[in-house]
């Protein structure tokens, strides 16, 4: 089976069933119902009683390639498997801009102050049904991790490795902007998608 073609469908179905089981308006169990929409028939979780539709739209997520004392800071979340390190990420709060949101997330998670911020790009992350809005953040201060992070590492630009998904592409874009061709590693989650595709 072609993993690249199968993965989005597998992910969409897993995402649909993992989030909603009952209608938030009338508590009726939701069902996969196919209806005509703009662009053709579309199967979505829908309520057979009150016509509620769970649209399953992607969630915007903020990310930062933190440049700290001339190096890239990657952190490890306590909930992550193995020794995976990645960018600082988080969700926007109501009433804040994406720039304000990522500066807040950086401060909350690392205790660092953002002195300069530049948009790197917007990246698709279908595995998590997210759209990543990524920034390059120049930061200063003393690192003090929040309880959700267990460790951080500082990497010289030529030594940092990227991963082929979401925030990994943002990191690669940053490295290219600094004259370094990124090196990609094979992520742990790829095995899970390969198993689901079989």
N, C-alpha and C. Protein backbone atom coordinates (compact mmCIF):
# COMPACT_ATOMS: atom_id res chain seq x y z
N UNK A 1 0.84 -1.19 0.00
CA UNK A 1 0.00 0.00 0.00
C UNK A 1 0.88 1.24 0.00
N UNK A 2 0.48 2.25 -0.76
CA UNK A 2 1.23 3.52 -0.83
C UNK A 2 0.93 4.34 0.42
N UNK A 3 1.91 4.45 1.31
CA UNK A 3 1.72 5.15 2.59
C UNK A 3 1.39 6.61 2.38
N UNK A 4 2.06 7.25 1.43
CA UNK A 4 1.82 8.68 1.19
C UNK A 4 0.38 8.95 0.80
N UNK A 5 -0.23 8.02 0.04
CA UNK A 5 -1.63 8.21 -0.37
C UNK A 5 -2.60 7.80 0.73
N UNK A 6 -2.24 6.76 1.48
CA UNK A 6 -3.14 6.23 2.51
C UNK A 6 -3.14 7.04 3.79
N UNK A 7 -2.02 7.64 4.13
CA UNK A 7 -1.88 8.31 5.43
C UNK A 7 -2.93 9.38 5.69
N UNK A 8 -3.21 10.32 4.77
CA UNK A 8 -4.21 11.34 5.08
C UNK A 8 -5.59 10.76 5.40
N UNK A 9 -6.00 9.72 4.66
CA UNK A 9 -7.31 9.10 4.91
C UNK A 9 -7.33 8.39 6.25
N UNK A 10 -6.26 7.66 6.56
CA UNK A 10 -6.16 6.96 7.84
C UNK A 10 -6.18 7.96 8.99
N UNK A 11 -5.44 9.03 8.85
CA UNK A 11 -5.36 10.06 9.88
C UNK A 11 -6.69 10.75 10.07
N UNK A 12 -7.36 11.09 8.98
CA UNK A 12 -8.66 11.77 9.07
C UNK A 12 -9.68 10.90 9.79
N UNK A 13 -9.72 9.61 9.48
CA UNK A 13 -10.67 8.71 10.15
C UNK A 13 -10.34 8.57 11.63
N UNK A 14 -9.06 8.42 11.95
CA UNK A 14 -8.65 8.31 13.35
C UNK A 14 -8.97 9.59 14.10
N UNK A 15 -8.74 10.72 13.47
CA UNK A 15 -9.01 12.01 14.09
C UNK A 15 -10.50 12.21 14.32
N UNK A 16 -11.32 11.82 13.35
CA UNK A 16 -12.78 11.99 13.48
C UNK A 16 -13.31 11.17 14.65
N UNK A 17 -12.89 9.90 14.74
CA UNK A 17 -13.46 9.04 15.76
C UNK A 17 -12.89 9.32 17.14
N UNK A 18 -11.70 9.89 17.22
CA UNK A 18 -11.06 10.14 18.51
C UNK A 18 -11.64 11.36 19.23
N UNK A 19 -12.20 12.30 18.51
CA UNK A 19 -12.62 13.56 19.11
C UNK A 19 -14.06 13.54 19.60
N UNK A 20 -14.98 13.22 18.74
CA UNK A 20 -16.40 13.29 19.08
C UNK A 20 -17.06 11.92 18.94
N UNK A 21 -17.85 11.55 19.93
CA UNK A 21 -18.66 10.33 19.84
C UNK A 21 -20.14 10.67 19.93
N UNK A 22 -20.44 11.78 20.60
CA UNK A 22 -21.84 12.18 20.78
C UNK A 22 -22.03 13.62 20.33
N UNK A 23 -23.23 13.93 19.91
CA UNK A 23 -23.57 15.28 19.47
C UNK A 23 -23.49 16.24 20.66
N UNK A 24 -22.76 17.34 20.53
CA UNK A 24 -22.68 18.30 21.63
C UNK A 24 -23.96 19.11 21.82
N UNK A 25 -24.89 18.99 20.88
CA UNK A 25 -26.15 19.74 20.99
C UNK A 25 -27.28 18.91 21.60
N UNK A 26 -27.35 17.59 21.23
CA UNK A 26 -28.48 16.79 21.71
C UNK A 26 -28.08 15.45 22.31
N UNK A 27 -26.80 15.13 22.35
CA UNK A 27 -26.24 13.92 22.97
C UNK A 27 -26.52 12.62 22.21
N UNK A 28 -27.06 12.71 21.01
CA UNK A 28 -27.26 11.52 20.17
C UNK A 28 -25.90 11.03 19.67
N UNK A 29 -25.69 9.70 19.62
CA UNK A 29 -24.43 9.21 19.07
C UNK A 29 -24.23 9.69 17.63
N UNK A 30 -23.04 10.18 17.34
CA UNK A 30 -22.73 10.63 15.98
C UNK A 30 -22.48 9.43 15.08
N UNK A 31 -22.71 9.63 13.80
CA UNK A 31 -22.49 8.57 12.81
C UNK A 31 -21.76 9.15 11.61
N UNK A 32 -21.01 8.29 10.93
CA UNK A 32 -20.39 8.73 9.68
C UNK A 32 -21.48 8.74 8.61
N UNK A 33 -21.83 9.93 8.17
CA UNK A 33 -22.90 10.12 7.19
C UNK A 33 -22.33 10.89 6.00
N UNK A 34 -22.64 10.40 4.81
CA UNK A 34 -22.18 11.05 3.59
C UNK A 34 -23.29 11.94 3.05
N UNK A 35 -22.95 13.21 2.82
CA UNK A 35 -23.89 14.18 2.25
C UNK A 35 -23.19 14.95 1.14
N UNK A 36 -23.99 15.51 0.24
CA UNK A 36 -23.44 16.36 -0.81
C UNK A 36 -23.05 17.70 -0.19
N UNK A 37 -21.82 18.12 -0.48
CA UNK A 37 -21.32 19.43 -0.05
C UNK A 37 -20.70 20.10 -1.25
N UNK A 38 -20.28 21.34 -1.09
CA UNK A 38 -19.54 22.00 -2.17
C UNK A 38 -18.35 21.10 -2.51
N UNK A 39 -18.20 20.77 -3.77
CA UNK A 39 -17.09 19.92 -4.19
C UNK A 39 -17.43 18.45 -4.23
N UNK A 40 -18.64 18.06 -3.86
CA UNK A 40 -19.03 16.65 -3.95
C UNK A 40 -19.41 16.05 -2.62
N UNK A 41 -19.65 14.74 -2.66
CA UNK A 41 -20.04 14.01 -1.45
C UNK A 41 -18.90 13.98 -0.45
N UNK A 42 -19.26 14.12 0.83
CA UNK A 42 -18.25 14.12 1.89
C UNK A 42 -18.80 13.36 3.09
N UNK A 43 -18.00 12.42 3.59
CA UNK A 43 -18.37 11.67 4.79
C UNK A 43 -17.79 12.39 6.00
N UNK A 44 -18.66 12.71 6.93
CA UNK A 44 -18.25 13.37 8.17
C UNK A 44 -19.05 12.79 9.32
N UNK A 45 -18.58 13.03 10.55
CA UNK A 45 -19.38 12.68 11.72
C UNK A 45 -20.53 13.68 11.79
N UNK A 46 -21.75 13.14 11.78
CA UNK A 46 -22.94 13.99 11.79
C UNK A 46 -23.96 13.40 12.77
N UNK A 47 -24.83 14.27 13.24
CA UNK A 47 -25.90 13.83 14.13
C UNK A 47 -27.13 13.48 13.30
N UNK A 48 -27.62 12.25 13.42
CA UNK A 48 -28.81 11.87 12.67
C UNK A 48 -30.09 12.50 13.22
N UNK A 49 -30.03 13.09 14.42
CA UNK A 49 -31.23 13.69 15.03
C UNK A 49 -31.37 15.18 14.74
N UNK A 50 -30.30 15.95 14.95
CA UNK A 50 -30.43 17.41 14.83
C UNK A 50 -29.59 18.01 13.71
N UNK A 51 -28.95 17.17 12.91
CA UNK A 51 -28.16 17.61 11.75
C UNK A 51 -26.87 18.35 12.11
N UNK A 52 -26.38 18.25 13.35
CA UNK A 52 -25.08 18.81 13.70
C UNK A 52 -24.01 18.11 12.86
N UNK A 53 -23.02 18.87 12.41
CA UNK A 53 -21.88 18.31 11.67
C UNK A 53 -20.59 18.65 12.40
N UNK A 54 -19.78 17.63 12.62
CA UNK A 54 -18.43 17.86 13.16
C UNK A 54 -17.52 18.06 11.95
N UNK A 55 -17.10 19.29 11.72
CA UNK A 55 -16.34 19.64 10.52
C UNK A 55 -14.92 19.13 10.55
N UNK A 56 -14.36 18.92 11.73
CA UNK A 56 -13.01 18.40 11.87
C UNK A 56 -11.97 19.28 11.17
N UNK A 57 -12.14 20.59 11.30
CA UNK A 57 -11.20 21.53 10.68
C UNK A 57 -9.84 21.47 11.39
N UNK A 58 -8.75 21.68 10.65
CA UNK A 58 -7.43 21.70 11.28
C UNK A 58 -7.30 22.82 12.32
N UNK A 59 -6.53 22.54 13.36
CA UNK A 59 -6.29 23.50 14.43
C UNK A 59 -5.00 24.27 14.16
N UNK A 60 -5.02 25.61 14.25
CA UNK A 60 -3.77 26.35 14.11
C UNK A 60 -2.90 26.18 15.36
N UNK A 61 -1.62 25.90 15.14
CA UNK A 61 -0.67 25.73 16.23
C UNK A 61 0.53 26.63 15.96
N UNK A 62 1.03 27.27 17.00
CA UNK A 62 2.19 28.15 16.89
C UNK A 62 3.46 27.37 17.22
N UNK A 63 4.54 27.69 16.52
CA UNK A 63 5.83 27.03 16.78
C UNK A 63 6.95 28.04 16.66
N UNK A 64 8.05 27.77 17.37
CA UNK A 64 9.20 28.68 17.32
C UNK A 64 10.50 27.91 17.18
N UNK A 65 11.29 28.32 16.19
CA UNK A 65 12.69 27.92 16.13
C UNK A 65 13.40 28.97 16.99
N UNK A 66 13.78 28.57 18.20
CA UNK A 66 14.39 29.50 19.14
C UNK A 66 15.89 29.54 18.92
N UNK A 67 16.38 30.74 18.63
CA UNK A 67 17.82 30.97 18.54
C UNK A 67 18.24 31.60 19.87
N UNK A 68 19.05 30.86 20.61
CA UNK A 68 19.45 31.26 21.96
C UNK A 68 20.97 31.16 22.07
N UNK A 69 21.61 32.31 22.26
CA UNK A 69 23.07 32.37 22.38
C UNK A 69 23.76 31.72 21.18
N UNK A 70 23.20 31.97 19.99
CA UNK A 70 23.80 31.47 18.75
C UNK A 70 23.51 30.02 18.41
N UNK A 71 22.69 29.37 19.23
CA UNK A 71 22.35 27.97 18.99
C UNK A 71 20.83 27.81 18.90
N UNK A 72 20.39 26.64 18.43
CA UNK A 72 18.96 26.33 18.35
C UNK A 72 18.57 25.55 19.60
N UNK A 73 17.50 25.99 20.26
CA UNK A 73 17.01 25.31 21.46
C UNK A 73 15.88 24.36 21.06
N UNK A 74 16.04 23.09 21.39
CA UNK A 74 14.98 22.10 21.23
C UNK A 74 14.65 21.56 22.61
N UNK A 75 13.38 21.25 22.85
CA UNK A 75 12.96 20.79 24.18
C UNK A 75 12.25 19.44 24.07
N UNK A 76 12.22 18.74 25.19
CA UNK A 76 11.57 17.43 25.26
C UNK A 76 10.37 17.51 26.20
N UNK A 77 9.21 17.16 25.66
CA UNK A 77 7.97 17.14 26.43
C UNK A 77 7.94 15.87 27.29
N UNK A 78 7.44 15.99 28.51
CA UNK A 78 7.38 14.85 29.42
C UNK A 78 6.53 13.71 28.87
N UNK A 79 5.55 14.01 28.04
CA UNK A 79 4.64 13.00 27.51
C UNK A 79 5.17 12.29 26.27
N UNK A 80 6.28 12.75 25.71
CA UNK A 80 6.78 12.18 24.46
C UNK A 80 7.57 10.90 24.70
N UNK A 81 7.52 9.98 23.73
CA UNK A 81 8.29 8.74 23.85
C UNK A 81 9.77 8.97 23.57
N UNK A 82 10.59 8.07 24.07
CA UNK A 82 12.01 8.10 23.76
C UNK A 82 12.70 9.38 24.14
N UNK A 83 13.61 9.78 23.28
CA UNK A 83 14.39 10.99 23.55
C UNK A 83 14.15 12.02 22.46
N UNK A 84 12.89 12.21 22.14
CA UNK A 84 12.52 13.13 21.08
C UNK A 84 12.56 14.58 21.58
N UNK A 85 13.24 15.44 20.83
CA UNK A 85 13.31 16.87 21.12
C UNK A 85 12.73 17.61 19.93
N UNK A 86 12.05 18.71 20.20
CA UNK A 86 11.40 19.45 19.12
C UNK A 86 11.30 20.93 19.47
N UNK A 87 10.63 21.66 18.58
CA UNK A 87 10.43 23.09 18.77
C UNK A 87 9.43 23.35 19.89
N UNK A 88 9.46 24.55 20.43
CA UNK A 88 8.44 24.99 21.37
C UNK A 88 7.18 25.28 20.56
N UNK A 89 6.07 24.72 21.00
CA UNK A 89 4.79 24.91 20.30
C UNK A 89 3.69 25.22 21.30
N UNK A 90 2.58 25.70 20.78
CA UNK A 90 1.43 25.97 21.65
C UNK A 90 0.27 26.54 20.86
N UNK A 91 -0.81 26.77 21.56
CA UNK A 91 -2.03 27.27 20.95
C UNK A 91 -2.21 28.75 21.27
N UNK A 92 -2.86 29.44 20.35
CA UNK A 92 -3.19 30.85 20.57
C UNK A 92 -4.29 30.97 21.61
N UNK A 93 -4.27 32.05 22.34
CA UNK A 93 -5.36 32.40 23.24
C UNK A 93 -6.28 33.38 22.52
N UNK A 94 -7.53 33.40 22.89
CA UNK A 94 -8.47 34.36 22.30
C UNK A 94 -7.97 35.78 22.53
N UNK A 95 -8.02 36.60 21.49
CA UNK A 95 -7.65 38.00 21.62
C UNK A 95 -6.18 38.32 21.42
N UNK A 96 -5.35 37.31 21.12
CA UNK A 96 -3.94 37.61 20.88
C UNK A 96 -3.57 37.29 19.44
N UNK A 97 -2.56 37.99 18.95
CA UNK A 97 -2.04 37.72 17.61
C UNK A 97 -1.15 36.48 17.67
N UNK A 98 -0.81 35.94 16.52
CA UNK A 98 0.09 34.78 16.52
C UNK A 98 1.46 35.15 17.07
N UNK A 99 1.92 36.38 16.81
CA UNK A 99 3.20 36.83 17.35
C UNK A 99 3.16 36.92 18.88
N UNK A 100 2.08 37.49 19.40
CA UNK A 100 1.92 37.56 20.86
C UNK A 100 1.83 36.15 21.45
N UNK A 101 1.12 35.28 20.76
CA UNK A 101 0.94 33.92 21.25
C UNK A 101 2.23 33.14 21.34
N UNK A 102 3.07 33.21 20.31
CA UNK A 102 4.31 32.43 20.37
C UNK A 102 5.29 33.04 21.37
N UNK A 103 5.31 34.35 21.50
CA UNK A 103 6.17 34.98 22.52
C UNK A 103 5.72 34.55 23.92
N UNK A 104 4.41 34.47 24.14
CA UNK A 104 3.88 34.01 25.42
C UNK A 104 4.25 32.55 25.67
N UNK A 105 4.07 31.70 24.65
CA UNK A 105 4.41 30.28 24.80
C UNK A 105 5.89 30.09 25.13
N UNK A 106 6.74 30.84 24.45
CA UNK A 106 8.18 30.75 24.73
C UNK A 106 8.47 31.13 26.19
N UNK A 107 7.86 32.23 26.65
CA UNK A 107 8.07 32.66 28.03
C UNK A 107 7.53 31.63 29.03
N UNK A 108 6.33 31.10 28.76
CA UNK A 108 5.72 30.13 29.67
C UNK A 108 6.52 28.83 29.74
N UNK A 109 7.02 28.37 28.61
CA UNK A 109 7.66 27.06 28.57
C UNK A 109 9.16 27.08 28.84
N UNK A 110 9.82 28.22 28.58
CA UNK A 110 11.28 28.27 28.76
C UNK A 110 11.76 29.41 29.65
N UNK A 111 10.89 30.34 29.99
CA UNK A 111 11.23 31.52 30.78
C UNK A 111 12.07 32.53 29.98
N UNK A 112 12.18 32.35 28.67
CA UNK A 112 13.00 33.25 27.85
C UNK A 112 12.19 34.42 27.33
N UNK A 113 12.88 35.53 27.12
CA UNK A 113 12.28 36.74 26.54
C UNK A 113 12.58 36.76 25.05
N UNK A 114 11.56 37.02 24.24
CA UNK A 114 11.73 37.10 22.79
C UNK A 114 12.11 38.53 22.41
N UNK A 115 13.30 38.70 21.83
CA UNK A 115 13.75 40.04 21.44
C UNK A 115 13.53 40.32 19.96
N UNK A 116 13.40 39.28 19.15
CA UNK A 116 13.12 39.45 17.72
C UNK A 116 12.32 38.25 17.23
N UNK A 117 11.39 38.51 16.32
CA UNK A 117 10.48 37.48 15.84
C UNK A 117 10.25 37.66 14.35
N UNK A 118 10.36 36.56 13.59
CA UNK A 118 10.13 36.64 12.14
C UNK A 118 9.38 35.39 11.69
N UNK A 119 8.35 35.58 10.88
CA UNK A 119 7.58 34.46 10.36
C UNK A 119 8.46 33.62 9.43
N UNK A 120 8.50 32.31 9.70
CA UNK A 120 9.22 31.38 8.81
C UNK A 120 8.29 30.86 7.73
N UNK A 121 7.07 30.52 8.12
CA UNK A 121 6.12 29.98 7.16
C UNK A 121 4.97 29.26 7.84
N UNK A 122 4.09 28.73 7.01
CA UNK A 122 2.93 27.97 7.48
C UNK A 122 3.07 26.56 6.92
N UNK A 123 2.92 25.55 7.78
CA UNK A 123 3.22 24.18 7.41
C UNK A 123 2.07 23.25 7.77
N UNK A 124 1.81 22.32 6.88
CA UNK A 124 0.76 21.32 7.05
C UNK A 124 1.25 20.23 8.00
N UNK A 125 0.41 19.80 8.92
CA UNK A 125 0.74 18.69 9.82
C UNK A 125 -0.50 17.82 9.94
N UNK A 126 -0.77 17.04 8.87
CA UNK A 126 -2.00 16.26 8.79
C UNK A 126 -2.10 15.18 9.85
N UNK A 127 -0.99 14.63 10.27
CA UNK A 127 -1.03 13.56 11.27
C UNK A 127 -1.76 14.01 12.53
N UNK A 128 -1.64 15.29 12.87
CA UNK A 128 -2.32 15.82 14.05
C UNK A 128 -3.49 16.73 13.69
N UNK A 129 -3.82 16.80 12.39
CA UNK A 129 -4.90 17.67 11.91
C UNK A 129 -4.64 19.12 12.34
N UNK A 130 -3.42 19.58 12.08
CA UNK A 130 -3.00 20.92 12.49
C UNK A 130 -2.37 21.67 11.32
N UNK A 131 -2.39 22.99 11.44
CA UNK A 131 -1.65 23.88 10.56
C UNK A 131 -0.66 24.61 11.46
N UNK A 132 0.62 24.48 11.15
CA UNK A 132 1.68 25.07 11.98
C UNK A 132 2.04 26.45 11.45
N UNK A 133 1.97 27.45 12.32
CA UNK A 133 2.43 28.81 12.01
C UNK A 133 3.75 28.97 12.75
N UNK A 134 4.85 28.97 11.98
CA UNK A 134 6.17 28.90 12.61
C UNK A 134 6.95 30.21 12.50
N UNK A 135 7.64 30.52 13.57
CA UNK A 135 8.45 31.74 13.67
C UNK A 135 9.89 31.40 14.03
N UNK A 136 10.80 32.28 13.62
CA UNK A 136 12.17 32.28 14.13
C UNK A 136 12.17 33.29 15.26
N UNK A 137 12.54 32.87 16.46
CA UNK A 137 12.55 33.75 17.62
C UNK A 137 13.97 33.85 18.18
N UNK A 138 14.47 35.07 18.26
CA UNK A 138 15.75 35.31 18.94
C UNK A 138 15.40 35.60 20.39
N UNK A 139 15.99 34.82 21.30
CA UNK A 139 15.60 34.91 22.71
C UNK A 139 16.81 35.10 23.61
N UNK A 140 16.52 35.70 24.77
CA UNK A 140 17.56 35.88 25.78
C UNK A 140 16.97 35.63 27.16
N UNK A 141 17.83 35.61 28.16
CA UNK A 141 17.40 35.32 29.52
C UNK A 141 18.02 34.01 29.98
N UNK A 142 17.48 33.46 31.07
CA UNK A 142 17.95 32.18 31.60
C UNK A 142 16.85 31.14 31.45
N UNK A 143 17.19 29.99 30.91
CA UNK A 143 16.21 28.93 30.67
C UNK A 143 15.74 28.34 31.99
N UNK A 144 14.44 28.29 32.15
CA UNK A 144 13.80 27.60 33.27
C UNK A 144 12.56 26.94 32.68
N UNK A 145 12.58 25.61 32.58
CA UNK A 145 11.52 24.89 31.89
C UNK A 145 10.24 24.80 32.71
N UNK A 146 9.12 24.81 32.01
CA UNK A 146 7.82 24.59 32.65
C UNK A 146 7.71 23.11 33.02
N UNK A 147 6.75 22.74 33.88
CA UNK A 147 6.61 21.33 34.28
C UNK A 147 6.31 20.38 33.12
N UNK A 148 5.75 20.88 32.01
CA UNK A 148 5.44 19.97 30.89
C UNK A 148 6.68 19.58 30.09
N UNK A 149 7.78 20.28 30.30
CA UNK A 149 9.04 19.96 29.62
C UNK A 149 10.02 19.36 30.62
N UNK A 150 10.74 18.32 30.19
CA UNK A 150 11.68 17.66 31.10
C UNK A 150 13.14 17.94 30.79
N UNK A 151 13.42 18.46 29.60
CA UNK A 151 14.81 18.70 29.25
C UNK A 151 14.86 19.61 28.03
N UNK A 152 16.01 20.21 27.81
CA UNK A 152 16.24 20.96 26.57
C UNK A 152 17.69 20.75 26.17
N UNK A 153 17.93 20.98 24.89
CA UNK A 153 19.30 20.89 24.37
C UNK A 153 19.54 22.06 23.43
N UNK A 154 20.78 22.49 23.40
CA UNK A 154 21.21 23.54 22.48
C UNK A 154 22.07 22.90 21.40
N UNK A 155 21.77 23.24 20.15
CA UNK A 155 22.48 22.66 19.01
C UNK A 155 23.10 23.76 18.16
N UNK A 156 24.32 23.51 17.71
CA UNK A 156 24.91 24.36 16.68
C UNK A 156 24.13 24.10 15.40
N UNK A 157 24.03 25.11 14.54
CA UNK A 157 23.21 24.99 13.34
C UNK A 157 23.61 23.79 12.48
N UNK A 158 24.89 23.52 12.36
CA UNK A 158 25.32 22.42 11.51
C UNK A 158 25.04 21.05 12.12
N UNK A 159 24.69 20.99 13.40
CA UNK A 159 24.47 19.71 14.08
C UNK A 159 23.00 19.35 14.29
N UNK A 160 22.10 20.31 14.18
CA UNK A 160 20.69 20.03 14.46
C UNK A 160 20.08 19.22 13.31
N UNK A 161 19.24 18.23 13.65
CA UNK A 161 18.58 17.38 12.67
C UNK A 161 17.10 17.73 12.61
N UNK A 162 16.53 17.59 11.42
CA UNK A 162 15.11 17.88 11.20
C UNK A 162 14.32 16.58 11.08
N UNK A 163 13.01 16.66 11.15
CA UNK A 163 12.12 15.52 11.00
C UNK A 163 11.13 15.87 9.89
N UNK A 164 10.71 14.88 9.09
CA UNK A 164 9.88 15.16 7.91
C UNK A 164 8.40 15.31 8.23
N UNK A 165 8.06 16.31 9.01
CA UNK A 165 6.66 16.61 9.32
C UNK A 165 6.59 17.96 10.01
N UNK A 166 5.45 18.64 9.87
CA UNK A 166 5.13 19.86 10.58
C UNK A 166 6.27 20.77 10.95
N UNK A 167 6.61 20.79 12.24
CA UNK A 167 7.64 21.70 12.74
C UNK A 167 9.03 21.37 12.21
N UNK A 168 9.25 20.14 11.79
CA UNK A 168 10.54 19.77 11.21
C UNK A 168 10.83 20.53 9.94
N UNK A 169 9.78 20.80 9.15
CA UNK A 169 9.95 21.57 7.92
C UNK A 169 10.25 23.04 8.24
N UNK A 170 9.69 23.54 9.32
CA UNK A 170 9.99 24.92 9.74
C UNK A 170 11.45 25.03 10.14
N UNK A 171 11.93 24.05 10.88
CA UNK A 171 13.34 24.04 11.28
C UNK A 171 14.24 23.96 10.04
N UNK A 172 13.86 23.15 9.07
CA UNK A 172 14.63 23.03 7.83
C UNK A 172 14.68 24.36 7.09
N UNK A 173 13.54 25.06 7.04
CA UNK A 173 13.48 26.37 6.38
C UNK A 173 14.44 27.36 7.06
N UNK A 174 14.44 27.34 8.39
CA UNK A 174 15.35 28.21 9.13
C UNK A 174 16.81 27.88 8.80
N UNK A 175 17.16 26.60 8.80
CA UNK A 175 18.54 26.20 8.52
C UNK A 175 18.96 26.64 7.12
N UNK A 176 18.08 26.46 6.14
CA UNK A 176 18.39 26.89 4.77
C UNK A 176 18.63 28.39 4.71
N UNK A 177 17.83 29.15 5.48
CA UNK A 177 18.00 30.61 5.48
C UNK A 177 19.35 31.02 6.05
N UNK A 178 19.97 30.12 6.79
CA UNK A 178 21.29 30.38 7.38
C UNK A 178 22.42 29.70 6.61
N UNK A 179 22.09 29.14 5.44
CA UNK A 179 23.11 28.53 4.60
C UNK A 179 23.46 27.09 4.94
N UNK A 180 22.61 26.39 5.69
CA UNK A 180 22.85 25.00 6.05
C UNK A 180 21.79 24.12 5.39
N UNK A 181 22.22 23.11 4.66
CA UNK A 181 21.27 22.17 4.08
C UNK A 181 20.83 21.21 5.19
N UNK A 182 19.52 21.12 5.47
CA UNK A 182 19.07 20.30 6.60
C UNK A 182 19.24 18.80 6.36
N UNK A 183 19.50 18.09 7.44
CA UNK A 183 19.55 16.63 7.41
C UNK A 183 18.31 16.14 8.15
N UNK A 184 17.58 15.20 7.53
CA UNK A 184 16.34 14.70 8.12
C UNK A 184 16.55 13.32 8.75
N UNK A 185 15.86 13.09 9.86
CA UNK A 185 15.86 11.79 10.53
C UNK A 185 14.52 11.13 10.29
N UNK A 186 14.43 9.81 10.50
CA UNK A 186 13.18 9.09 10.35
C UNK A 186 12.46 9.11 11.69
N UNK A 187 11.27 9.70 11.76
CA UNK A 187 10.57 9.83 13.04
C UNK A 187 9.95 8.53 13.53
N UNK A 188 9.74 8.44 14.84
CA UNK A 188 9.15 7.28 15.49
C UNK A 188 7.74 7.01 14.98
N UNK A 189 6.94 8.07 14.75
CA UNK A 189 5.53 7.90 14.38
C UNK A 189 5.34 7.29 13.01
N UNK A 190 6.36 7.28 12.16
CA UNK A 190 6.22 6.74 10.80
C UNK A 190 5.86 5.26 10.84
N UNK A 191 6.40 4.52 11.81
CA UNK A 191 6.10 3.09 11.93
C UNK A 191 4.62 2.87 12.21
N UNK A 192 4.01 3.76 13.01
CA UNK A 192 2.59 3.65 13.33
C UNK A 192 1.74 3.80 12.07
N UNK A 193 2.07 4.76 11.22
CA UNK A 193 1.32 4.97 9.98
C UNK A 193 1.51 3.78 9.04
N UNK A 194 2.73 3.24 8.97
CA UNK A 194 2.99 2.09 8.11
C UNK A 194 2.17 0.89 8.57
N UNK A 195 2.04 0.68 9.89
CA UNK A 195 1.25 -0.44 10.40
C UNK A 195 -0.23 -0.25 10.09
N UNK A 196 -0.75 0.97 10.20
CA UNK A 196 -2.16 1.22 9.90
C UNK A 196 -2.47 1.06 8.41
N UNK A 197 -1.47 1.34 7.56
CA UNK A 197 -1.68 1.26 6.12
C UNK A 197 -1.73 -0.19 5.63
N UNK A 198 -1.11 -1.11 6.37
CA UNK A 198 -1.09 -2.53 5.94
C UNK A 198 -2.41 -3.22 6.14
